Amino acid sequence: MDIQIHKAQPGDAAGLSDFVRALGLFAQINAEPPELTLEHVLHHLILCTSDDSHTILIAQTPGNEIVGFCAAHWLPYLILTGPEGYISELFVKETFRGHGIGSRLLDGIKTEAQRRGCARLMLINLRKRESYQRQFYAKQGWDERVDAANFILPLGKANP
């Protein structure tokens, strides 16, 4: 399968907005008008590409269809020997799963993390997600933390 992986740019906002909406996974996005989704995707892409603290990789067909993306954020930690890369999002279009696209996106982030001298990569995967059910990350060599809990504090706006 001829899928190209490249760093996202603000010009990718429309394709990423369409991709995120097509996932159908997030009630807030499903309920909002497409123009609003595009607006916040573009805003976040501009923020993420304005400095070196984020990396967003896109998987795209030769016809420019976005079929996956992965977002990572590079966090300095005083207690580690190097930064931690936090993978906040990894999604592959359902019809393209099982073709190594998610693995290639993760490999791209891992390569970038090594280039930056990161001590580790971290992500959160919801147990109800299909990727967790089929042990996608475990098969990629990731270890699940059994002694950690994930907490969130909603801050006003509805979040997916």
N, C-alpha and C. Protein backbone atom coordinates (compact mmCIF):
# COMPACT_ATOMS: atom_id res chain seq x y z
N MET A 1 0.85 -1.17 0.00
CA MET A 1 0.00 0.00 0.00
C MET A 1 0.90 1.24 0.00
N ASP A 2 0.68 2.13 -0.92
CA ASP A 2 1.52 3.31 -1.10
C ASP A 2 0.99 4.47 -0.26
N ILE A 3 1.30 4.44 1.01
CA ILE A 3 0.87 5.49 1.94
C ILE A 3 2.11 6.31 2.30
N GLN A 4 1.98 7.62 2.20
CA GLN A 4 3.06 8.53 2.56
C GLN A 4 2.82 9.09 3.95
N ILE A 5 3.88 9.19 4.73
CA ILE A 5 3.81 9.78 6.07
C ILE A 5 4.57 11.11 6.01
N HIS A 6 3.94 12.18 6.49
CA HIS A 6 4.62 13.47 6.51
C HIS A 6 4.11 14.31 7.67
N LYS A 7 4.89 15.33 8.02
CA LYS A 7 4.48 16.24 9.09
C LYS A 7 3.32 17.10 8.63
N ALA A 8 2.36 17.28 9.53
CA ALA A 8 1.19 18.09 9.24
C ALA A 8 1.56 19.57 9.18
N GLN A 9 0.84 20.28 8.34
CA GLN A 9 0.96 21.72 8.20
C GLN A 9 -0.44 22.32 8.25
N PRO A 10 -0.56 23.61 8.51
CA PRO A 10 -1.89 24.22 8.54
C PRO A 10 -2.72 23.96 7.27
N GLY A 11 -2.07 23.78 6.14
CA GLY A 11 -2.78 23.48 4.91
C GLY A 11 -3.48 22.13 4.92
N ASP A 12 -3.16 21.29 5.89
CA ASP A 12 -3.80 19.98 6.03
C ASP A 12 -5.08 20.03 6.86
N ALA A 13 -5.45 21.22 7.34
CA ALA A 13 -6.58 21.36 8.28
C ALA A 13 -7.88 20.81 7.72
N ALA A 14 -8.21 21.12 6.48
CA ALA A 14 -9.49 20.67 5.92
C ALA A 14 -9.55 19.14 5.86
N GLY A 15 -8.48 18.52 5.39
CA GLY A 15 -8.45 17.06 5.31
C GLY A 15 -8.50 16.41 6.68
N LEU A 16 -7.77 16.99 7.65
CA LEU A 16 -7.80 16.45 9.01
C LEU A 16 -9.17 16.66 9.66
N SER A 17 -9.78 17.79 9.40
CA SER A 17 -11.11 18.06 9.94
C SER A 17 -12.11 17.03 9.40
N ASP A 18 -12.08 16.78 8.10
CA ASP A 18 -12.96 15.78 7.50
C ASP A 18 -12.68 14.39 8.09
N PHE A 19 -11.40 14.08 8.28
CA PHE A 19 -11.00 12.78 8.82
C PHE A 19 -11.56 12.59 10.23
N VAL A 20 -11.34 13.59 11.09
CA VAL A 20 -11.80 13.50 12.48
C VAL A 20 -13.32 13.37 12.54
N ARG A 21 -14.02 14.12 11.71
CA ARG A 21 -15.48 14.04 11.69
C ARG A 21 -15.93 12.64 11.23
N ALA A 22 -15.24 12.10 10.23
CA ALA A 22 -15.63 10.79 9.69
C ALA A 22 -15.42 9.65 10.69
N LEU A 23 -14.53 9.85 11.66
CA LEU A 23 -14.33 8.82 12.68
C LEU A 23 -15.63 8.54 13.44
N GLY A 24 -16.42 9.60 13.68
CA GLY A 24 -17.68 9.44 14.40
C GLY A 24 -17.53 9.06 15.86
N LEU A 25 -16.37 9.28 16.43
CA LEU A 25 -16.09 8.82 17.80
C LEU A 25 -16.40 9.84 18.89
N PHE A 26 -16.57 11.09 18.53
CA PHE A 26 -16.64 12.14 19.53
C PHE A 26 -17.95 12.91 19.43
N ALA A 27 -18.78 12.82 20.47
CA ALA A 27 -20.12 13.42 20.47
C ALA A 27 -20.06 14.91 20.17
N GLN A 28 -19.12 15.62 20.75
CA GLN A 28 -19.02 17.06 20.54
C GLN A 28 -18.79 17.37 19.06
N ILE A 29 -17.86 16.66 18.45
CA ILE A 29 -17.54 16.89 17.03
C ILE A 29 -18.71 16.45 16.15
N ASN A 30 -19.34 15.33 16.50
CA ASN A 30 -20.48 14.86 15.72
C ASN A 30 -21.62 15.87 15.72
N ALA A 31 -21.77 16.62 16.82
CA ALA A 31 -22.89 17.55 16.97
C ALA A 31 -22.62 18.94 16.40
N GLU A 32 -21.36 19.28 16.18
CA GLU A 32 -21.06 20.65 15.73
C GLU A 32 -21.06 20.75 14.21
N PRO A 33 -21.26 21.94 13.68
CA PRO A 33 -21.19 22.12 12.23
C PRO A 33 -19.77 21.89 11.72
N PRO A 34 -19.62 21.38 10.50
CA PRO A 34 -18.29 21.12 9.94
C PRO A 34 -17.38 22.35 9.97
N GLU A 35 -17.94 23.54 9.80
CA GLU A 35 -17.13 24.76 9.79
C GLU A 35 -16.48 24.98 11.14
N LEU A 36 -17.16 24.63 12.23
CA LEU A 36 -16.60 24.78 13.57
C LEU A 36 -15.47 23.77 13.80
N THR A 37 -15.67 22.55 13.33
CA THR A 37 -14.60 21.55 13.44
C THR A 37 -13.36 22.05 12.70
N LEU A 38 -13.55 22.51 11.48
CA LEU A 38 -12.43 23.03 10.69
C LEU A 38 -11.74 24.18 11.43
N GLU A 39 -12.52 25.06 12.02
CA GLU A 39 -11.95 26.21 12.73
C GLU A 39 -11.04 25.76 13.87
N HIS A 40 -11.50 24.83 14.70
CA HIS A 40 -10.64 24.43 15.82
C HIS A 40 -9.49 23.53 15.39
N VAL A 41 -9.67 22.72 14.36
CA VAL A 41 -8.55 21.92 13.85
C VAL A 41 -7.47 22.84 13.28
N LEU A 42 -7.86 23.83 12.52
CA LEU A 42 -6.90 24.79 11.97
C LEU A 42 -6.19 25.54 13.09
N HIS A 43 -6.93 26.00 14.07
CA HIS A 43 -6.34 26.72 15.21
C HIS A 43 -5.29 25.86 15.91
N HIS A 44 -5.62 24.60 16.16
CA HIS A 44 -4.69 23.71 16.85
C HIS A 44 -3.49 23.36 15.97
N LEU A 45 -3.70 23.19 14.69
CA LEU A 45 -2.57 22.93 13.79
C LEU A 45 -1.61 24.12 13.77
N ILE A 46 -2.15 25.32 13.74
CA ILE A 46 -1.30 26.51 13.77
C ILE A 46 -0.50 26.54 15.07
N LEU A 47 -1.14 26.25 16.19
CA LEU A 47 -0.42 26.21 17.48
C LEU A 47 0.66 25.13 17.47
N CYS A 48 0.31 23.96 16.98
CA CYS A 48 1.25 22.83 17.02
C CYS A 48 2.42 22.99 16.06
N THR A 49 2.25 23.76 15.01
CA THR A 49 3.35 23.94 14.05
C THR A 49 4.10 25.25 14.27
N SER A 50 3.71 26.01 15.28
CA SER A 50 4.35 27.31 15.50
C SER A 50 5.68 27.19 16.25
N ASP A 51 5.92 26.06 16.90
CA ASP A 51 7.20 25.84 17.57
C ASP A 51 7.55 24.36 17.50
N ASP A 52 8.58 23.97 18.20
CA ASP A 52 9.09 22.60 18.10
C ASP A 52 8.59 21.68 19.21
N SER A 53 7.54 22.09 19.93
CA SER A 53 7.09 21.30 21.07
C SER A 53 6.03 20.25 20.72
N HIS A 54 5.66 20.16 19.46
CA HIS A 54 4.66 19.19 19.02
C HIS A 54 5.08 18.61 17.67
N THR A 55 4.64 17.40 17.42
CA THR A 55 4.81 16.79 16.10
C THR A 55 3.50 16.10 15.75
N ILE A 56 2.98 16.40 14.58
CA ILE A 56 1.79 15.70 14.08
C ILE A 56 2.17 15.09 12.74
N LEU A 57 2.03 13.78 12.66
CA LEU A 57 2.31 13.06 11.42
C LEU A 57 1.00 12.64 10.79
N ILE A 58 0.95 12.73 9.47
CA ILE A 58 -0.24 12.37 8.70
C ILE A 58 0.11 11.21 7.77
N ALA A 59 -0.80 10.25 7.65
CA ALA A 59 -0.69 9.17 6.66
C ALA A 59 -1.67 9.51 5.54
N GLN A 60 -1.15 9.53 4.31
CA GLN A 60 -1.95 10.01 3.18
C GLN A 60 -1.73 9.12 1.96
N THR A 61 -2.82 8.89 1.22
CA THR A 61 -2.75 8.12 -0.01
C THR A 61 -2.16 8.99 -1.12
N PRO A 62 -1.77 8.38 -2.25
CA PRO A 62 -1.30 9.18 -3.40
C PRO A 62 -2.36 10.16 -3.90
N GLY A 63 -3.63 9.88 -3.65
CA GLY A 63 -4.71 10.79 -4.03
C GLY A 63 -4.99 11.85 -2.98
N ASN A 64 -4.10 11.97 -2.00
CA ASN A 64 -4.18 12.97 -0.92
C ASN A 64 -5.27 12.72 0.11
N GLU A 65 -5.83 11.51 0.17
CA GLU A 65 -6.79 11.20 1.21
C GLU A 65 -6.04 10.92 2.51
N ILE A 66 -6.41 11.62 3.58
CA ILE A 66 -5.80 11.36 4.88
C ILE A 66 -6.46 10.11 5.46
N VAL A 67 -5.63 9.12 5.79
CA VAL A 67 -6.14 7.85 6.31
C VAL A 67 -5.68 7.58 7.74
N GLY A 68 -4.90 8.51 8.30
CA GLY A 68 -4.46 8.37 9.67
C GLY A 68 -3.61 9.55 10.10
N PHE A 69 -3.51 9.72 11.42
CA PHE A 69 -2.59 10.73 11.95
C PHE A 69 -2.20 10.38 13.37
N CYS A 70 -1.09 10.96 13.79
CA CYS A 70 -0.57 10.75 15.14
C CYS A 70 -0.01 12.08 15.64
N ALA A 71 -0.40 12.47 16.85
CA ALA A 71 0.07 13.72 17.44
C ALA A 71 0.89 13.40 18.69
N ALA A 72 2.06 14.04 18.79
CA ALA A 72 2.93 13.87 19.96
C ALA A 72 3.35 15.24 20.48
N HIS A 73 3.55 15.29 21.77
CA HIS A 73 3.93 16.52 22.45
C HIS A 73 5.17 16.21 23.28
N TRP A 74 6.15 17.07 23.22
CA TRP A 74 7.45 16.83 23.84
C TRP A 74 7.53 17.60 25.15
N LEU A 75 7.55 16.85 26.26
CA LEU A 75 7.44 17.42 27.59
C LEU A 75 8.75 17.27 28.37
N PRO A 76 9.33 18.38 28.81
CA PRO A 76 10.53 18.27 29.65
C PRO A 76 10.14 17.79 31.05
N TYR A 77 10.92 16.90 31.59
CA TYR A 77 10.71 16.39 32.95
C TYR A 77 12.00 16.57 33.73
N LEU A 78 11.91 17.15 34.91
CA LEU A 78 13.10 17.33 35.74
C LEU A 78 13.59 16.01 36.31
N ILE A 79 12.72 15.02 36.43
CA ILE A 79 13.09 13.76 37.06
C ILE A 79 13.57 12.70 36.08
N LEU A 80 13.55 12.99 34.80
CA LEU A 80 14.00 12.03 33.78
C LEU A 80 15.29 12.52 33.14
N THR A 81 15.98 11.62 32.48
CA THR A 81 17.23 11.98 31.81
C THR A 81 17.01 12.72 30.50
N GLY A 82 15.78 12.75 30.03
CA GLY A 82 15.43 13.45 28.80
C GLY A 82 13.94 13.71 28.80
N PRO A 83 13.44 14.41 27.80
CA PRO A 83 12.00 14.68 27.74
C PRO A 83 11.19 13.40 27.59
N GLU A 84 9.89 13.54 27.83
CA GLU A 84 8.95 12.45 27.57
C GLU A 84 8.12 12.87 26.38
N GLY A 85 7.94 11.96 25.46
CA GLY A 85 7.02 12.19 24.35
C GLY A 85 5.66 11.66 24.73
N TYR A 86 4.65 12.51 24.66
CA TYR A 86 3.28 12.11 24.98
C TYR A 86 2.48 12.03 23.69
N ILE A 87 2.05 10.85 23.34
CA ILE A 87 1.22 10.65 22.16
C ILE A 87 -0.22 10.85 22.58
N SER A 88 -0.81 11.95 22.10
CA SER A 88 -2.17 12.29 22.51
C SER A 88 -3.22 11.71 21.58
N GLU A 89 -2.86 11.48 20.32
CA GLU A 89 -3.85 11.00 19.36
C GLU A 89 -3.16 10.09 18.34
N LEU A 90 -3.78 8.96 18.09
CA LEU A 90 -3.38 8.08 16.99
C LEU A 90 -4.65 7.44 16.46
N PHE A 91 -4.99 7.79 15.23
CA PHE A 91 -6.19 7.26 14.61
C PHE A 91 -5.88 6.85 13.18
N VAL A 92 -6.44 5.71 12.77
CA VAL A 92 -6.34 5.23 11.40
C VAL A 92 -7.76 4.92 10.94
N LYS A 93 -8.05 5.36 9.73
CA LYS A 93 -9.37 5.10 9.14
C LYS A 93 -9.65 3.61 9.16
N GLU A 94 -10.85 3.23 9.56
CA GLU A 94 -11.19 1.82 9.77
C GLU A 94 -10.84 0.94 8.57
N THR A 95 -11.13 1.38 7.36
CA THR A 95 -10.88 0.55 6.18
C THR A 95 -9.39 0.41 5.86
N PHE A 96 -8.55 1.17 6.53
CA PHE A 96 -7.10 1.09 6.30
C PHE A 96 -6.37 0.42 7.45
N ARG A 97 -7.10 0.00 8.48
CA ARG A 97 -6.46 -0.67 9.62
C ARG A 97 -5.98 -2.05 9.20
N GLY A 98 -4.91 -2.50 9.87
CA GLY A 98 -4.36 -3.80 9.56
C GLY A 98 -3.35 -3.79 8.43
N HIS A 99 -2.99 -2.61 7.94
CA HIS A 99 -2.03 -2.48 6.85
C HIS A 99 -0.71 -1.84 7.30
N GLY A 100 -0.51 -1.74 8.62
CA GLY A 100 0.75 -1.22 9.13
C GLY A 100 0.84 0.29 9.22
N ILE A 101 -0.25 0.99 8.95
CA ILE A 101 -0.22 2.46 8.96
C ILE A 101 -0.01 2.98 10.39
N GLY A 102 -0.74 2.45 11.35
CA GLY A 102 -0.56 2.86 12.75
C GLY A 102 0.86 2.59 13.21
N SER A 103 1.40 1.44 12.84
CA SER A 103 2.78 1.11 13.20
C SER A 103 3.76 2.09 12.58
N ARG A 104 3.53 2.47 11.35
CA ARG A 104 4.43 3.43 10.68
C ARG A 104 4.35 4.81 11.34
N LEU A 105 3.14 5.21 11.72
CA LEU A 105 3.00 6.49 12.41
C LEU A 105 3.73 6.45 13.77
N LEU A 106 3.54 5.37 14.52
CA LEU A 106 4.25 5.22 15.80
C LEU A 106 5.76 5.20 15.59
N ASP A 107 6.23 4.51 14.56
CA ASP A 107 7.67 4.46 14.27
C ASP A 107 8.21 5.85 13.96
N GLY A 108 7.43 6.65 13.23
CA GLY A 108 7.85 8.02 12.93
C GLY A 108 7.99 8.85 14.19
N ILE A 109 7.05 8.69 15.11
CA ILE A 109 7.13 9.41 16.39
C ILE A 109 8.30 8.89 17.21
N LYS A 110 8.50 7.58 17.22
CA LYS A 110 9.63 7.00 17.97
C LYS A 110 10.96 7.53 17.43
N THR A 111 11.09 7.60 16.13
CA THR A 111 12.32 8.14 15.52
C THR A 111 12.54 9.59 15.95
N GLU A 112 11.47 10.38 15.93
CA GLU A 112 11.57 11.78 16.36
C GLU A 112 11.93 11.87 17.84
N ALA A 113 11.35 11.00 18.66
CA ALA A 113 11.66 10.99 20.10
C ALA A 113 13.14 10.65 20.33
N GLN A 114 13.65 9.70 19.60
CA GLN A 114 15.06 9.34 19.74
C GLN A 114 15.96 10.49 19.29
N ARG A 115 15.58 11.16 18.21
CA ARG A 115 16.35 12.31 17.73
C ARG A 115 16.40 13.41 18.79
N ARG A 116 15.33 13.55 19.54
CA ARG A 116 15.24 14.58 20.58
C ARG A 116 15.88 14.15 21.89
N GLY A 117 16.32 12.92 22.00
CA GLY A 117 16.91 12.43 23.24
C GLY A 117 15.90 12.13 24.33
N CYS A 118 14.68 11.75 23.94
CA CYS A 118 13.64 11.46 24.92
C CYS A 118 13.98 10.23 25.75
N ALA A 119 13.57 10.27 27.01
CA ALA A 119 13.76 9.13 27.91
C ALA A 119 12.70 8.06 27.67
N ARG A 120 11.51 8.50 27.24
CA ARG A 120 10.44 7.54 27.02
C ARG A 120 9.31 8.19 26.23
N LEU A 121 8.42 7.33 25.75
CA LEU A 121 7.16 7.75 25.14
C LEU A 121 6.03 7.25 26.04
N MET A 122 4.92 7.96 26.05
CA MET A 122 3.79 7.60 26.87
C MET A 122 2.51 7.88 26.09
N LEU A 123 1.49 7.09 26.33
CA LEU A 123 0.17 7.34 25.75
C LEU A 123 -0.89 6.75 26.65
N ILE A 124 -2.11 7.16 26.40
CA ILE A 124 -3.27 6.62 27.11
C ILE A 124 -4.18 5.99 26.06
N ASN A 125 -4.60 4.76 26.31
CA ASN A 125 -5.51 4.07 25.41
C ASN A 125 -6.72 3.61 26.21
N LEU A 126 -7.89 4.04 25.84
CA LEU A 126 -9.09 3.64 26.55
C LEU A 126 -9.37 2.16 26.33
N ARG A 127 -9.68 1.46 27.39
CA ARG A 127 -9.88 0.01 27.31
C ARG A 127 -11.04 -0.39 26.42
N LYS A 128 -11.99 0.51 26.21
CA LYS A 128 -13.14 0.19 25.35
C LYS A 128 -12.81 0.32 23.86
N ARG A 129 -11.69 0.96 23.54
CA ARG A 129 -11.32 1.16 22.14
C ARG A 129 -10.87 -0.14 21.50
N GLU A 130 -11.15 -0.25 20.23
CA GLU A 130 -10.80 -1.44 19.45
C GLU A 130 -9.30 -1.69 19.48
N SER A 131 -8.50 -0.64 19.44
CA SER A 131 -7.04 -0.80 19.46
C SER A 131 -6.57 -1.45 20.76
N TYR A 132 -7.22 -1.13 21.87
CA TYR A 132 -6.88 -1.77 23.14
C TYR A 132 -7.34 -3.22 23.14
N GLN A 133 -8.53 -3.46 22.65
CA GLN A 133 -9.09 -4.81 22.63
C GLN A 133 -8.21 -5.78 21.84
N ARG A 134 -7.62 -5.30 20.76
CA ARG A 134 -6.77 -6.19 19.95
C ARG A 134 -5.29 -6.06 20.31
N GLN A 135 -5.00 -5.35 21.42
CA GLN A 135 -3.65 -5.23 21.98
C GLN A 135 -2.65 -4.62 21.00
N PHE A 136 -3.11 -3.61 20.26
CA PHE A 136 -2.25 -2.95 19.27
C PHE A 136 -0.94 -2.47 19.89
N TYR A 137 -1.01 -1.76 20.99
CA TYR A 137 0.21 -1.18 21.57
C TYR A 137 1.10 -2.25 22.20
N ALA A 138 0.51 -3.23 22.85
CA ALA A 138 1.30 -4.32 23.42
C ALA A 138 2.07 -5.04 22.31
N LYS A 139 1.44 -5.24 21.18
CA LYS A 139 2.11 -5.90 20.05
C LYS A 139 3.23 -5.04 19.48
N GLN A 140 3.18 -3.72 19.74
CA GLN A 140 4.23 -2.81 19.27
C GLN A 140 5.37 -2.70 20.29
N GLY A 141 5.27 -3.45 21.40
CA GLY A 141 6.32 -3.44 22.41
C GLY A 141 6.09 -2.49 23.57
N TRP A 142 4.91 -1.90 23.64
CA TRP A 142 4.58 -0.98 24.73
C TRP A 142 4.14 -1.78 25.96
N ASP A 143 4.48 -1.29 27.14
CA ASP A 143 4.07 -1.91 28.40
C ASP A 143 2.93 -1.11 29.02
N GLU A 144 1.89 -1.81 29.46
CA GLU A 144 0.79 -1.15 30.15
C GLU A 144 1.16 -0.95 31.62
N ARG A 145 0.97 0.26 32.09
CA ARG A 145 1.22 0.55 33.51
C ARG A 145 0.06 -0.02 34.33
N VAL A 146 0.38 -0.89 35.25
CA VAL A 146 -0.68 -1.46 36.09
C VAL A 146 -0.82 -0.66 37.39
N ASP A 147 0.16 0.16 37.70
CA ASP A 147 0.14 0.89 38.96
C ASP A 147 -0.20 2.37 38.80
N ALA A 148 -0.77 2.75 37.67
CA ALA A 148 -1.10 4.15 37.43
C ALA A 148 -2.59 4.31 37.16
N ALA A 149 -3.10 5.46 37.52
CA ALA A 149 -4.49 5.82 37.23
C ALA A 149 -4.46 7.07 36.37
N ASN A 150 -5.42 7.20 35.50
CA ASN A 150 -5.54 8.35 34.62
C ASN A 150 -6.68 9.22 35.13
N PHE A 151 -6.38 10.48 35.42
CA PHE A 151 -7.39 11.41 35.92
C PHE A 151 -7.55 12.55 34.93
N ILE A 152 -8.76 13.09 34.85
CA ILE A 152 -9.01 14.30 34.06
C ILE A 152 -9.80 15.27 34.92
N LEU A 153 -9.66 16.54 34.61
CA LEU A 153 -10.45 17.60 35.24
C LEU A 153 -11.04 18.44 34.13
N PRO A 154 -12.32 18.22 33.79
CA PRO A 154 -12.94 19.03 32.72
C PRO A 154 -12.94 20.51 33.11
N LEU A 155 -12.65 21.35 32.13
CA LEU A 155 -12.54 22.79 32.37
C LEU A 155 -13.52 23.59 31.52
N GLY A 156 -14.77 23.35 31.69
CA GLY A 156 -15.77 24.18 31.02
C GLY A 156 -16.30 23.62 29.71
N LYS A 157 -15.62 23.93 28.62
CA LYS A 157 -16.10 23.49 27.31
C LYS A 157 -16.26 21.99 27.26
N ALA A 158 -17.24 21.55 26.51
CA ALA A 158 -17.43 20.11 26.32
C ALA A 158 -16.23 19.53 25.60
N ASN A 159 -15.77 18.41 26.07
CA ASN A 159 -14.61 17.75 25.47
C ASN A 159 -15.00 16.35 25.05
N PRO A 160 -14.39 15.86 23.95
CA PRO A 160 -14.71 14.48 23.51
C PRO A 160 -14.27 13.46 24.52
